Amino acid sequence: MENELEMFTAYFDDSGSPDSGTSLGVAGFVSTVEKWVEFEEAWHSILAEYKIDYFHMRQYAHSVGQFKEWKGKEGKRRTFLKRLISCLNGRVNKSFSSAVVLKEYNEVDSLYPLHEAMGYPFALCGRTCSAKINSWRERRKIMEQVKIVIEAGSKHAEDLARVLRRDGQPEPIFQGKKLLGALQAADLIAWEHTKAHHGI
């Protein structure tokens, strides 16, 4: 059982666009403040070793931006990514994710007031992740609310804040991810989770 006096923070990012593609997802991790401090140190140490200012999965996946010179160097790419992922071992308590298949969402939304009631795809996914966190808290008898931090700049971010406020949940804190390894890790898992829905 978790120590109910520990303070937990969840970091989330989204992947995909509500206007194109197959799906949109939100994913991330929850951990204690103490473990996040350890994680940030380990994450940024690896980035510094590889002379990477910050990790962005889209840049990495397409070998552009900071990763332009890495194109074709699969051994280096795999080693780098495995080392980043290893930072999560023992430093996060749980991962959460949710995705919406856009074609199906839009079909239902055209017939019923879906986005009015549940939010646009980004808000629906964020709301679902928040609900999963609450279930996780209840199972472990964690009394304190989990602070939720989400990468800033997503379309319909205010819609997510509206839905969580309406439902009596803590409003998310929107921050940039260039300085936060936790949001960069959320970017990685959100990308992979959403990619798994392509081709459905």
N, C-alpha and C. Protein backbone atom coordinates (compact mmCIF):
# COMPACT_ATOMS: atom_id res chain seq x y z
N MET A 1 0.85 -1.19 0.00
CA MET A 1 0.00 0.00 0.00
C MET A 1 0.89 1.25 0.00
N GLU A 2 0.50 2.24 -0.79
CA GLU A 2 1.28 3.47 -0.85
C GLU A 2 1.12 4.26 0.45
N ASN A 3 2.13 5.01 0.80
CA ASN A 3 2.05 5.91 1.94
C ASN A 3 1.08 7.03 1.59
N GLU A 4 -0.03 7.12 2.30
CA GLU A 4 -1.07 8.09 1.95
C GLU A 4 -0.61 9.53 2.12
N LEU A 5 0.54 9.74 2.84
CA LEU A 5 1.03 11.09 3.05
C LEU A 5 1.96 11.55 1.93
N GLU A 6 2.33 10.65 1.02
CA GLU A 6 3.18 11.03 -0.08
C GLU A 6 2.40 11.88 -1.07
N MET A 7 3.08 12.83 -1.67
CA MET A 7 2.47 13.68 -2.67
C MET A 7 2.79 13.13 -4.06
N PHE A 8 1.76 12.99 -4.88
CA PHE A 8 1.92 12.42 -6.21
C PHE A 8 1.63 13.47 -7.28
N THR A 9 2.38 13.38 -8.37
CA THR A 9 2.16 14.24 -9.52
C THR A 9 2.12 13.37 -10.76
N ALA A 10 1.19 13.66 -11.66
CA ALA A 10 1.09 12.95 -12.93
C ALA A 10 1.45 13.90 -14.05
N TYR A 11 2.23 13.42 -15.00
CA TYR A 11 2.61 14.21 -16.17
C TYR A 11 2.07 13.52 -17.42
N PHE A 12 1.37 14.30 -18.26
CA PHE A 12 0.74 13.76 -19.46
C PHE A 12 1.07 14.60 -20.69
N ASP A 13 1.06 13.94 -21.83
CA ASP A 13 1.16 14.61 -23.11
C ASP A 13 0.20 13.94 -24.07
N ASP A 14 -0.12 14.62 -25.14
CA ASP A 14 -1.01 14.03 -26.14
C ASP A 14 -0.24 13.77 -27.42
N SER A 15 -0.81 12.94 -28.26
CA SER A 15 -0.22 12.63 -29.55
C SER A 15 -1.35 12.50 -30.56
N GLY A 16 -1.11 13.04 -31.75
CA GLY A 16 -2.15 13.03 -32.78
C GLY A 16 -2.86 14.37 -32.84
N SER A 17 -3.67 14.51 -33.87
CA SER A 17 -4.43 15.74 -34.07
C SER A 17 -5.91 15.42 -34.16
N PRO A 18 -6.77 16.23 -33.54
CA PRO A 18 -8.21 15.97 -33.64
C PRO A 18 -8.76 16.23 -35.04
N ASP A 19 -7.95 16.87 -35.88
CA ASP A 19 -8.42 17.24 -37.22
C ASP A 19 -7.95 16.31 -38.32
N SER A 20 -7.06 15.37 -38.01
CA SER A 20 -6.56 14.46 -39.04
C SER A 20 -5.99 13.21 -38.40
N GLY A 21 -5.74 12.22 -39.22
CA GLY A 21 -5.17 10.98 -38.70
C GLY A 21 -6.22 10.02 -38.21
N THR A 22 -5.75 8.93 -37.63
CA THR A 22 -6.64 7.86 -37.17
C THR A 22 -7.12 8.05 -35.75
N SER A 23 -6.22 8.48 -34.89
CA SER A 23 -6.57 8.55 -33.47
C SER A 23 -5.84 9.68 -32.77
N LEU A 24 -6.32 9.99 -31.58
CA LEU A 24 -5.68 10.95 -30.70
C LEU A 24 -5.59 10.31 -29.33
N GLY A 25 -4.43 10.44 -28.70
CA GLY A 25 -4.26 9.82 -27.40
C GLY A 25 -3.61 10.75 -26.39
N VAL A 26 -3.81 10.43 -25.13
CA VAL A 26 -3.15 11.12 -24.02
C VAL A 26 -2.56 10.04 -23.13
N ALA A 27 -1.31 10.22 -22.72
CA ALA A 27 -0.66 9.21 -21.89
C ALA A 27 0.39 9.86 -21.01
N GLY A 28 0.74 9.16 -19.94
CA GLY A 28 1.77 9.67 -19.06
C GLY A 28 1.96 8.79 -17.84
N PHE A 29 2.62 9.36 -16.84
CA PHE A 29 3.02 8.62 -15.66
C PHE A 29 2.69 9.39 -14.40
N VAL A 30 2.50 8.64 -13.31
CA VAL A 30 2.32 9.24 -12.00
C VAL A 30 3.40 8.71 -11.08
N SER A 31 3.91 9.58 -10.23
CA SER A 31 4.94 9.18 -9.27
C SER A 31 4.98 10.19 -8.15
N THR A 32 5.81 9.89 -7.16
CA THR A 32 5.96 10.82 -6.04
C THR A 32 6.89 11.96 -6.45
N VAL A 33 6.78 13.05 -5.74
CA VAL A 33 7.65 14.20 -6.00
C VAL A 33 9.11 13.78 -5.86
N GLU A 34 9.42 13.00 -4.86
CA GLU A 34 10.80 12.56 -4.62
C GLU A 34 11.33 11.73 -5.79
N LYS A 35 10.52 10.80 -6.27
CA LYS A 35 10.96 9.97 -7.40
C LYS A 35 11.11 10.79 -8.67
N TRP A 36 10.24 11.80 -8.86
CA TRP A 36 10.36 12.64 -10.05
C TRP A 36 11.68 13.41 -10.05
N VAL A 37 12.13 13.83 -8.88
CA VAL A 37 13.41 14.53 -8.79
C VAL A 37 14.54 13.61 -9.25
N GLU A 38 14.52 12.36 -8.81
CA GLU A 38 15.52 11.38 -9.24
C GLU A 38 15.43 11.14 -10.74
N PHE A 39 14.21 11.04 -11.23
CA PHE A 39 14.01 10.80 -12.66
C PHE A 39 14.57 11.94 -13.49
N GLU A 40 14.26 13.17 -13.11
CA GLU A 40 14.73 14.33 -13.88
C GLU A 40 16.25 14.35 -13.96
N GLU A 41 16.91 14.05 -12.87
CA GLU A 41 18.37 14.04 -12.86
C GLU A 41 18.92 12.99 -13.83
N ALA A 42 18.35 11.78 -13.78
CA ALA A 42 18.82 10.70 -14.65
C ALA A 42 18.52 11.00 -16.12
N TRP A 43 17.33 11.50 -16.41
CA TRP A 43 16.90 11.81 -17.77
C TRP A 43 17.80 12.88 -18.41
N HIS A 44 17.98 13.98 -17.69
CA HIS A 44 18.76 15.09 -18.24
C HIS A 44 20.25 14.75 -18.34
N SER A 45 20.70 13.84 -17.50
CA SER A 45 22.08 13.39 -17.59
C SER A 45 22.33 12.67 -18.91
N ILE A 46 21.39 11.84 -19.32
CA ILE A 46 21.51 11.13 -20.60
C ILE A 46 21.43 12.11 -21.77
N LEU A 47 20.49 13.04 -21.71
CA LEU A 47 20.38 14.04 -22.78
C LEU A 47 21.68 14.82 -22.93
N ALA A 48 22.26 15.20 -21.80
CA ALA A 48 23.51 15.96 -21.85
C ALA A 48 24.64 15.14 -22.45
N GLU A 49 24.67 13.86 -22.12
CA GLU A 49 25.71 12.98 -22.66
C GLU A 49 25.64 12.91 -24.18
N TYR A 50 24.41 12.90 -24.71
CA TYR A 50 24.22 12.83 -26.16
C TYR A 50 24.11 14.20 -26.81
N LYS A 51 24.29 15.25 -26.00
CA LYS A 51 24.22 16.63 -26.49
C LYS A 51 22.85 16.94 -27.14
N ILE A 52 21.79 16.49 -26.48
CA ILE A 52 20.41 16.75 -26.89
C ILE A 52 19.80 17.72 -25.88
N ASP A 53 19.28 18.83 -26.37
CA ASP A 53 18.71 19.85 -25.47
C ASP A 53 17.45 19.34 -24.76
N TYR A 54 16.57 18.72 -25.53
CA TYR A 54 15.35 18.13 -24.96
C TYR A 54 14.85 17.06 -25.93
N PHE A 55 14.08 16.13 -25.41
CA PHE A 55 13.60 15.02 -26.22
C PHE A 55 12.22 15.31 -26.76
N HIS A 56 12.06 15.16 -28.07
CA HIS A 56 10.76 15.29 -28.71
C HIS A 56 10.60 14.06 -29.61
N MET A 57 9.60 13.25 -29.33
CA MET A 57 9.45 11.96 -30.02
C MET A 57 9.28 12.12 -31.52
N ARG A 58 8.57 13.14 -31.95
CA ARG A 58 8.36 13.33 -33.38
C ARG A 58 9.70 13.58 -34.10
N GLN A 59 10.53 14.40 -33.48
CA GLN A 59 11.85 14.65 -34.06
C GLN A 59 12.67 13.36 -34.10
N TYR A 60 12.65 12.64 -33.00
CA TYR A 60 13.43 11.40 -32.92
C TYR A 60 12.95 10.37 -33.94
N ALA A 61 11.64 10.19 -34.03
CA ALA A 61 11.07 9.17 -34.91
C ALA A 61 11.39 9.43 -36.38
N HIS A 62 11.47 10.70 -36.75
CA HIS A 62 11.70 11.05 -38.16
C HIS A 62 13.12 11.53 -38.44
N SER A 63 13.99 11.43 -37.43
CA SER A 63 15.39 11.85 -37.58
C SER A 63 15.49 13.27 -38.14
N VAL A 64 14.81 14.18 -37.48
CA VAL A 64 14.86 15.59 -37.89
C VAL A 64 15.25 16.43 -36.67
N GLY A 65 15.46 17.74 -36.89
CA GLY A 65 15.81 18.61 -35.79
C GLY A 65 17.13 18.19 -35.17
N GLN A 66 17.14 18.02 -33.86
CA GLN A 66 18.35 17.63 -33.15
C GLN A 66 18.86 16.24 -33.53
N PHE A 67 17.97 15.43 -34.13
CA PHE A 67 18.33 14.06 -34.47
C PHE A 67 18.64 13.88 -35.97
N LYS A 68 18.79 14.99 -36.66
CA LYS A 68 19.03 14.92 -38.11
C LYS A 68 20.28 14.12 -38.45
N GLU A 69 21.34 14.31 -37.69
CA GLU A 69 22.60 13.61 -37.96
C GLU A 69 22.57 12.15 -37.53
N TRP A 70 21.49 11.75 -36.87
CA TRP A 70 21.38 10.36 -36.42
C TRP A 70 20.71 9.46 -37.46
N LYS A 71 20.26 10.00 -38.53
CA LYS A 71 19.53 9.23 -39.54
C LYS A 71 20.38 8.06 -40.03
N GLY A 72 19.81 6.88 -39.96
CA GLY A 72 20.50 5.67 -40.40
C GLY A 72 21.38 5.04 -39.34
N LYS A 73 21.60 5.71 -38.24
CA LYS A 73 22.46 5.19 -37.16
C LYS A 73 21.58 4.46 -36.14
N GLU A 74 21.05 3.32 -36.56
CA GLU A 74 20.04 2.63 -35.75
C GLU A 74 20.59 2.13 -34.42
N GLY A 75 21.84 1.73 -34.40
CA GLY A 75 22.41 1.27 -33.14
C GLY A 75 22.42 2.38 -32.10
N LYS A 76 22.86 3.55 -32.50
CA LYS A 76 22.88 4.71 -31.60
C LYS A 76 21.48 5.10 -31.19
N ARG A 77 20.56 5.08 -32.15
CA ARG A 77 19.19 5.47 -31.86
C ARG A 77 18.56 4.52 -30.84
N ARG A 78 18.74 3.23 -31.04
CA ARG A 78 18.14 2.24 -30.12
C ARG A 78 18.73 2.34 -28.73
N THR A 79 20.05 2.48 -28.66
CA THR A 79 20.71 2.57 -27.36
C THR A 79 20.23 3.80 -26.59
N PHE A 80 20.15 4.93 -27.29
CA PHE A 80 19.69 6.17 -26.68
C PHE A 80 18.28 6.02 -26.11
N LEU A 81 17.37 5.48 -26.92
CA LEU A 81 15.99 5.34 -26.48
C LEU A 81 15.87 4.36 -25.31
N LYS A 82 16.59 3.26 -25.37
CA LYS A 82 16.55 2.29 -24.27
C LYS A 82 17.05 2.91 -22.97
N ARG A 83 18.06 3.74 -23.07
CA ARG A 83 18.58 4.37 -21.86
C ARG A 83 17.58 5.37 -21.28
N LEU A 84 16.89 6.10 -22.16
CA LEU A 84 15.86 7.01 -21.66
C LEU A 84 14.74 6.23 -20.97
N ILE A 85 14.30 5.16 -21.61
CA ILE A 85 13.22 4.36 -21.03
C ILE A 85 13.64 3.77 -19.69
N SER A 86 14.93 3.41 -19.56
CA SER A 86 15.41 2.82 -18.31
C SER A 86 15.30 3.79 -17.15
N CYS A 87 15.24 5.09 -17.44
CA CYS A 87 15.08 6.09 -16.37
C CYS A 87 13.77 5.92 -15.62
N LEU A 88 12.79 5.31 -16.29
CA LEU A 88 11.48 5.15 -15.67
C LEU A 88 11.47 4.01 -14.65
N ASN A 89 12.38 3.05 -14.80
CA ASN A 89 12.40 1.88 -13.92
C ASN A 89 12.61 2.29 -12.47
N GLY A 90 11.65 1.95 -11.63
CA GLY A 90 11.75 2.25 -10.21
C GLY A 90 11.48 3.69 -9.84
N ARG A 91 11.19 4.52 -10.86
CA ARG A 91 10.99 5.94 -10.58
C ARG A 91 9.57 6.41 -10.87
N VAL A 92 8.74 5.57 -11.43
CA VAL A 92 7.33 5.92 -11.62
C VAL A 92 6.48 4.82 -10.98
N ASN A 93 5.32 5.22 -10.50
CA ASN A 93 4.44 4.26 -9.84
C ASN A 93 3.46 3.61 -10.79
N LYS A 94 3.04 4.37 -11.81
CA LYS A 94 2.00 3.83 -12.69
C LYS A 94 1.95 4.65 -13.97
N SER A 95 1.57 4.00 -15.06
CA SER A 95 1.33 4.73 -16.31
C SER A 95 -0.16 4.65 -16.63
N PHE A 96 -0.65 5.69 -17.29
CA PHE A 96 -2.05 5.75 -17.69
C PHE A 96 -2.13 6.26 -19.11
N SER A 97 -3.09 5.77 -19.85
CA SER A 97 -3.26 6.25 -21.22
C SER A 97 -4.71 6.07 -21.67
N SER A 98 -5.07 6.85 -22.66
CA SER A 98 -6.40 6.75 -23.24
C SER A 98 -6.32 7.27 -24.67
N ALA A 99 -7.06 6.64 -25.56
CA ALA A 99 -7.05 7.08 -26.96
C ALA A 99 -8.45 7.03 -27.53
N VAL A 100 -8.68 7.89 -28.50
CA VAL A 100 -9.96 7.96 -29.20
C VAL A 100 -9.73 7.68 -30.67
N VAL A 101 -10.51 6.77 -31.23
CA VAL A 101 -10.49 6.55 -32.68
C VAL A 101 -11.36 7.65 -33.30
N LEU A 102 -10.74 8.54 -34.04
CA LEU A 102 -11.41 9.77 -34.47
C LEU A 102 -12.62 9.53 -35.36
N LYS A 103 -12.54 8.57 -36.26
CA LYS A 103 -13.67 8.29 -37.15
C LYS A 103 -14.90 7.91 -36.34
N GLU A 104 -14.72 7.04 -35.36
CA GLU A 104 -15.84 6.61 -34.53
C GLU A 104 -16.35 7.75 -33.65
N TYR A 105 -15.41 8.52 -33.09
CA TYR A 105 -15.82 9.66 -32.27
C TYR A 105 -16.67 10.63 -33.08
N ASN A 106 -16.20 10.97 -34.28
CA ASN A 106 -16.92 11.94 -35.11
C ASN A 106 -18.29 11.42 -35.54
N GLU A 107 -18.39 10.13 -35.78
CA GLU A 107 -19.68 9.55 -36.15
C GLU A 107 -20.68 9.68 -35.01
N VAL A 108 -20.24 9.37 -33.79
CA VAL A 108 -21.13 9.48 -32.63
C VAL A 108 -21.46 10.95 -32.36
N ASP A 109 -20.43 11.82 -32.50
CA ASP A 109 -20.64 13.24 -32.22
C ASP A 109 -21.62 13.88 -33.19
N SER A 110 -21.72 13.34 -34.41
CA SER A 110 -22.66 13.88 -35.39
C SER A 110 -24.11 13.51 -35.06
N LEU A 111 -24.29 12.48 -34.23
CA LEU A 111 -25.63 12.02 -33.88
C LEU A 111 -26.07 12.47 -32.48
N TYR A 112 -25.11 12.62 -31.60
CA TYR A 112 -25.41 12.96 -30.20
C TYR A 112 -24.51 14.10 -29.74
N PRO A 113 -24.88 14.78 -28.65
CA PRO A 113 -24.05 15.90 -28.13
C PRO A 113 -22.83 15.38 -27.37
N LEU A 114 -21.98 14.65 -28.06
CA LEU A 114 -20.84 14.00 -27.40
C LEU A 114 -19.82 15.02 -26.90
N HIS A 115 -19.40 15.95 -27.77
CA HIS A 115 -18.36 16.86 -27.32
C HIS A 115 -18.87 17.83 -26.25
N GLU A 116 -20.18 18.12 -26.28
CA GLU A 116 -20.73 18.99 -25.25
C GLU A 116 -20.72 18.29 -23.88
N ALA A 117 -21.00 16.99 -23.88
CA ALA A 117 -21.11 16.26 -22.62
C ALA A 117 -19.77 15.73 -22.12
N MET A 118 -18.97 15.17 -23.04
CA MET A 118 -17.74 14.50 -22.64
C MET A 118 -16.47 15.25 -23.03
N GLY A 119 -16.63 16.27 -23.86
CA GLY A 119 -15.46 17.01 -24.31
C GLY A 119 -14.99 16.56 -25.68
N TYR A 120 -14.19 17.38 -26.33
CA TYR A 120 -13.56 17.01 -27.58
C TYR A 120 -12.57 15.88 -27.32
N PRO A 121 -12.03 15.23 -28.37
CA PRO A 121 -11.17 14.06 -28.15
C PRO A 121 -10.07 14.25 -27.11
N PHE A 122 -9.37 15.39 -27.16
CA PHE A 122 -8.31 15.62 -26.17
C PHE A 122 -8.87 15.65 -24.75
N ALA A 123 -9.98 16.35 -24.57
CA ALA A 123 -10.59 16.44 -23.25
C ALA A 123 -11.13 15.08 -22.79
N LEU A 124 -11.71 14.33 -23.71
CA LEU A 124 -12.24 13.01 -23.36
C LEU A 124 -11.12 12.09 -22.89
N CYS A 125 -10.00 12.12 -23.61
CA CYS A 125 -8.86 11.28 -23.21
C CYS A 125 -8.28 11.73 -21.87
N GLY A 126 -8.13 13.05 -21.70
CA GLY A 126 -7.61 13.56 -20.44
C GLY A 126 -8.53 13.25 -19.27
N ARG A 127 -9.83 13.37 -19.51
CA ARG A 127 -10.81 13.06 -18.47
C ARG A 127 -10.74 11.59 -18.09
N THR A 128 -10.57 10.72 -19.10
CA THR A 128 -10.47 9.28 -18.84
C THR A 128 -9.22 8.97 -18.03
N CYS A 129 -8.11 9.60 -18.35
CA CYS A 129 -6.88 9.39 -17.58
C CYS A 129 -7.06 9.86 -16.14
N SER A 130 -7.74 10.99 -15.96
CA SER A 130 -8.00 11.49 -14.61
C SER A 130 -8.85 10.50 -13.82
N ALA A 131 -9.86 9.93 -14.48
CA ALA A 131 -10.71 8.93 -13.81
C ALA A 131 -9.91 7.69 -13.44
N LYS A 132 -8.99 7.29 -14.30
CA LYS A 132 -8.15 6.13 -13.99
C LYS A 132 -7.24 6.41 -12.80
N ILE A 133 -6.74 7.63 -12.71
CA ILE A 133 -5.92 8.01 -11.57
C ILE A 133 -6.74 7.93 -10.28
N ASN A 134 -7.97 8.41 -10.33
CA ASN A 134 -8.82 8.37 -9.14
C ASN A 134 -9.10 6.93 -8.71
N SER A 135 -9.32 6.04 -9.66
CA SER A 135 -9.53 4.62 -9.33
C SER A 135 -8.28 4.03 -8.69
N TRP A 136 -7.12 4.40 -9.25
CA TRP A 136 -5.86 3.94 -8.71
C TRP A 136 -5.66 4.44 -7.28
N ARG A 137 -5.99 5.71 -7.03
CA ARG A 137 -5.89 6.29 -5.69
C ARG A 137 -6.78 5.55 -4.70
N GLU A 138 -8.01 5.27 -5.12
CA GLU A 138 -8.96 4.62 -4.23
C GLU A 138 -8.50 3.22 -3.85
N ARG A 139 -7.96 2.48 -4.83
CA ARG A 139 -7.50 1.12 -4.55
C ARG A 139 -6.34 1.12 -3.56
N ARG A 140 -5.53 2.15 -3.60
CA ARG A 140 -4.35 2.23 -2.73
C ARG A 140 -4.55 3.13 -1.52
N LYS A 141 -5.78 3.59 -1.35
CA LYS A 141 -6.14 4.42 -0.21
C LYS A 141 -5.22 5.65 -0.09
N ILE A 142 -4.97 6.28 -1.23
CA ILE A 142 -4.21 7.52 -1.25
C ILE A 142 -5.19 8.66 -1.08
N MET A 143 -5.04 9.43 -0.01
CA MET A 143 -6.03 10.43 0.33
C MET A 143 -5.86 11.72 -0.47
N GLU A 144 -4.62 12.10 -0.74
CA GLU A 144 -4.37 13.36 -1.43
C GLU A 144 -4.71 13.27 -2.92
N GLN A 145 -5.22 14.36 -3.47
CA GLN A 145 -5.43 14.43 -4.91
C GLN A 145 -4.09 14.41 -5.62
N VAL A 146 -4.07 13.87 -6.80
CA VAL A 146 -2.86 13.84 -7.62
C VAL A 146 -2.84 15.08 -8.50
N LYS A 147 -1.77 15.84 -8.41
CA LYS A 147 -1.62 17.01 -9.27
C LYS A 147 -1.35 16.53 -10.69
N ILE A 148 -2.06 17.10 -11.67
CA ILE A 148 -1.91 16.70 -13.06
C ILE A 148 -1.28 17.83 -13.86
N VAL A 149 -0.16 17.51 -14.50
CA VAL A 149 0.55 18.47 -15.34
C VAL A 149 0.50 17.95 -16.77
N ILE A 150 0.08 18.81 -17.70
CA ILE A 150 -0.06 18.42 -19.10
C ILE A 150 0.72 19.39 -19.97
N GLU A 151 1.32 18.86 -21.02
CA GLU A 151 2.10 19.69 -21.93
C GLU A 151 1.23 20.78 -22.53
N ALA A 152 1.73 22.00 -22.51
CA ALA A 152 0.95 23.14 -22.98
C ALA A 152 0.90 23.18 -24.50
N GLY A 153 -0.13 23.81 -25.03
CA GLY A 153 -0.21 24.05 -26.47
C GLY A 153 -1.14 23.14 -27.24
N SER A 154 -1.77 22.18 -26.57
CA SER A 154 -2.66 21.26 -27.26
C SER A 154 -3.98 21.93 -27.61
N LYS A 155 -4.51 21.60 -28.77
CA LYS A 155 -5.82 22.11 -29.15
C LYS A 155 -6.87 21.56 -28.19
N HIS A 156 -7.81 22.39 -27.79
CA HIS A 156 -8.89 22.05 -26.87
C HIS A 156 -8.41 21.87 -25.43
N ALA A 157 -7.26 22.47 -25.09
CA ALA A 157 -6.77 22.39 -23.71
C ALA A 157 -7.78 23.00 -22.73
N GLU A 158 -8.38 24.12 -23.12
CA GLU A 158 -9.36 24.75 -22.24
C GLU A 158 -10.60 23.89 -22.07
N ASP A 159 -10.90 23.09 -23.08
CA ASP A 159 -12.04 22.18 -22.98
C ASP A 159 -11.78 21.12 -21.91
N LEU A 160 -10.54 20.63 -21.84
CA LEU A 160 -10.19 19.66 -20.80
C LEU A 160 -10.33 20.30 -19.42
N ALA A 161 -9.82 21.52 -19.27
CA ALA A 161 -9.95 22.21 -17.99
C ALA A 161 -11.42 22.38 -17.61
N ARG A 162 -12.25 22.71 -18.60
CA ARG A 162 -13.69 22.89 -18.35
C ARG A 162 -14.33 21.60 -17.87
N VAL A 163 -14.02 20.49 -18.53
CA VAL A 163 -14.63 19.20 -18.19
C VAL A 163 -14.21 18.75 -16.79
N LEU A 164 -12.92 18.89 -16.48
CA LEU A 164 -12.46 18.47 -15.15
C LEU A 164 -13.03 19.37 -14.06
N ARG A 165 -13.12 20.66 -14.34
CA ARG A 165 -13.71 21.59 -13.38
C ARG A 165 -15.17 21.24 -13.14
N ARG A 166 -15.89 20.95 -14.20
CA ARG A 166 -17.30 20.58 -14.09
C ARG A 166 -17.49 19.32 -13.26
N ASP A 167 -16.56 18.38 -13.41
CA ASP A 167 -16.67 17.10 -12.71
C ASP A 167 -16.07 17.11 -11.31
N GLY A 168 -15.64 18.30 -10.86
CA GLY A 168 -15.09 18.40 -9.52
C GLY A 168 -13.70 17.82 -9.37
N GLN A 169 -12.96 17.72 -10.48
CA GLN A 169 -11.60 17.20 -10.45
C GLN A 169 -10.61 18.35 -10.47
N PRO A 170 -9.39 18.09 -9.99
CA PRO A 170 -8.38 19.15 -10.01
C PRO A 170 -8.12 19.60 -11.46
N GLU A 171 -8.05 20.90 -11.65
CA GLU A 171 -7.76 21.40 -12.99
C GLU A 171 -6.30 21.12 -13.34
N PRO A 172 -6.03 20.79 -14.58
CA PRO A 172 -4.65 20.49 -14.97
C PRO A 172 -3.80 21.75 -15.00
N ILE A 173 -2.52 21.54 -14.80
CA ILE A 173 -1.54 22.62 -14.92
C ILE A 173 -0.85 22.42 -16.27
N PHE A 174 -0.85 23.43 -17.12
CA PHE A 174 -0.25 23.31 -18.44
C PHE A 174 1.15 23.93 -18.42
N GLN A 175 2.14 23.11 -18.81
CA GLN A 175 3.53 23.57 -18.82
C GLN A 175 4.22 23.12 -20.10
N GLY A 176 5.26 23.85 -20.49
CA GLY A 176 6.07 23.45 -21.62
C GLY A 176 6.96 22.27 -21.26
N LYS A 177 7.32 21.46 -22.25
CA LYS A 177 8.08 20.25 -21.94
C LYS A 177 9.58 20.36 -22.19
N LYS A 178 10.05 21.50 -22.68
CA LYS A 178 11.47 21.58 -23.00
C LYS A 178 12.36 21.43 -21.77
N LEU A 179 11.86 21.80 -20.60
CA LEU A 179 12.65 21.70 -19.39
C LEU A 179 12.24 20.54 -18.49
N LEU A 180 11.15 19.88 -18.81
CA LEU A 180 10.63 18.82 -17.95
C LEU A 180 10.78 17.45 -18.61
N GLY A 181 11.70 16.66 -18.09
CA GLY A 181 11.87 15.31 -18.61
C GLY A 181 10.62 14.47 -18.46
N ALA A 182 9.85 14.71 -17.40
CA ALA A 182 8.62 13.94 -17.17
C ALA A 182 7.63 14.13 -18.31
N LEU A 183 7.53 15.35 -18.84
CA LEU A 183 6.64 15.60 -19.97
C LEU A 183 7.23 15.02 -21.25
N GLN A 184 8.54 14.99 -21.36
CA GLN A 184 9.18 14.39 -22.53
C GLN A 184 8.96 12.88 -22.53
N ALA A 185 9.00 12.26 -21.35
CA ALA A 185 8.69 10.83 -21.24
C ALA A 185 7.23 10.56 -21.58
N ALA A 186 6.35 11.48 -21.17
CA ALA A 186 4.93 11.35 -21.50
C ALA A 186 4.73 11.46 -23.01
N ASP A 187 5.50 12.32 -23.65
CA ASP A 187 5.46 12.46 -25.10
C ASP A 187 5.81 11.14 -25.77
N LEU A 188 6.82 10.47 -25.24
CA LEU A 188 7.26 9.19 -25.80
C LEU A 188 6.14 8.14 -25.71
N ILE A 189 5.56 7.97 -24.52
CA ILE A 189 4.54 6.93 -24.36
C ILE A 189 3.26 7.30 -25.10
N ALA A 190 2.93 8.60 -25.16
CA ALA A 190 1.73 9.01 -25.90
C ALA A 190 1.89 8.70 -27.39
N TRP A 191 3.08 8.96 -27.92
CA TRP A 191 3.37 8.65 -29.33
C TRP A 191 3.20 7.17 -29.60
N GLU A 192 3.81 6.33 -28.75
CA GLU A 192 3.75 4.88 -28.96
C GLU A 192 2.33 4.35 -28.79
N HIS A 193 1.61 4.87 -27.83
CA HIS A 193 0.25 4.39 -27.61
C HIS A 193 -0.67 4.77 -28.77
N THR A 194 -0.53 5.99 -29.24
CA THR A 194 -1.37 6.44 -30.35
C THR A 194 -0.99 5.71 -31.63
N LYS A 195 0.30 5.48 -31.84
CA LYS A 195 0.75 4.75 -33.03
C LYS A 195 0.14 3.36 -33.09
N ALA A 196 -0.07 2.75 -31.93
CA ALA A 196 -0.64 1.41 -31.87
C ALA A 196 -2.08 1.38 -32.38
N HIS A 197 -2.75 2.55 -32.42
CA HIS A 197 -4.13 2.62 -32.87
C HIS A 197 -4.23 2.89 -34.37
N HIS A 198 -3.14 3.24 -35.02
CA HIS A 198 -3.19 3.50 -36.46
C HIS A 198 -3.47 2.19 -37.20
N GLY A 199 -4.27 2.28 -38.22
CA GLY A 199 -4.60 1.10 -39.00
C GLY A 199 -5.78 0.33 -38.47
N ILE A 200 -6.41 0.85 -37.37
CA ILE A 200 -7.60 0.18 -36.82
C ILE A 200 -8.72 0.17 -37.85
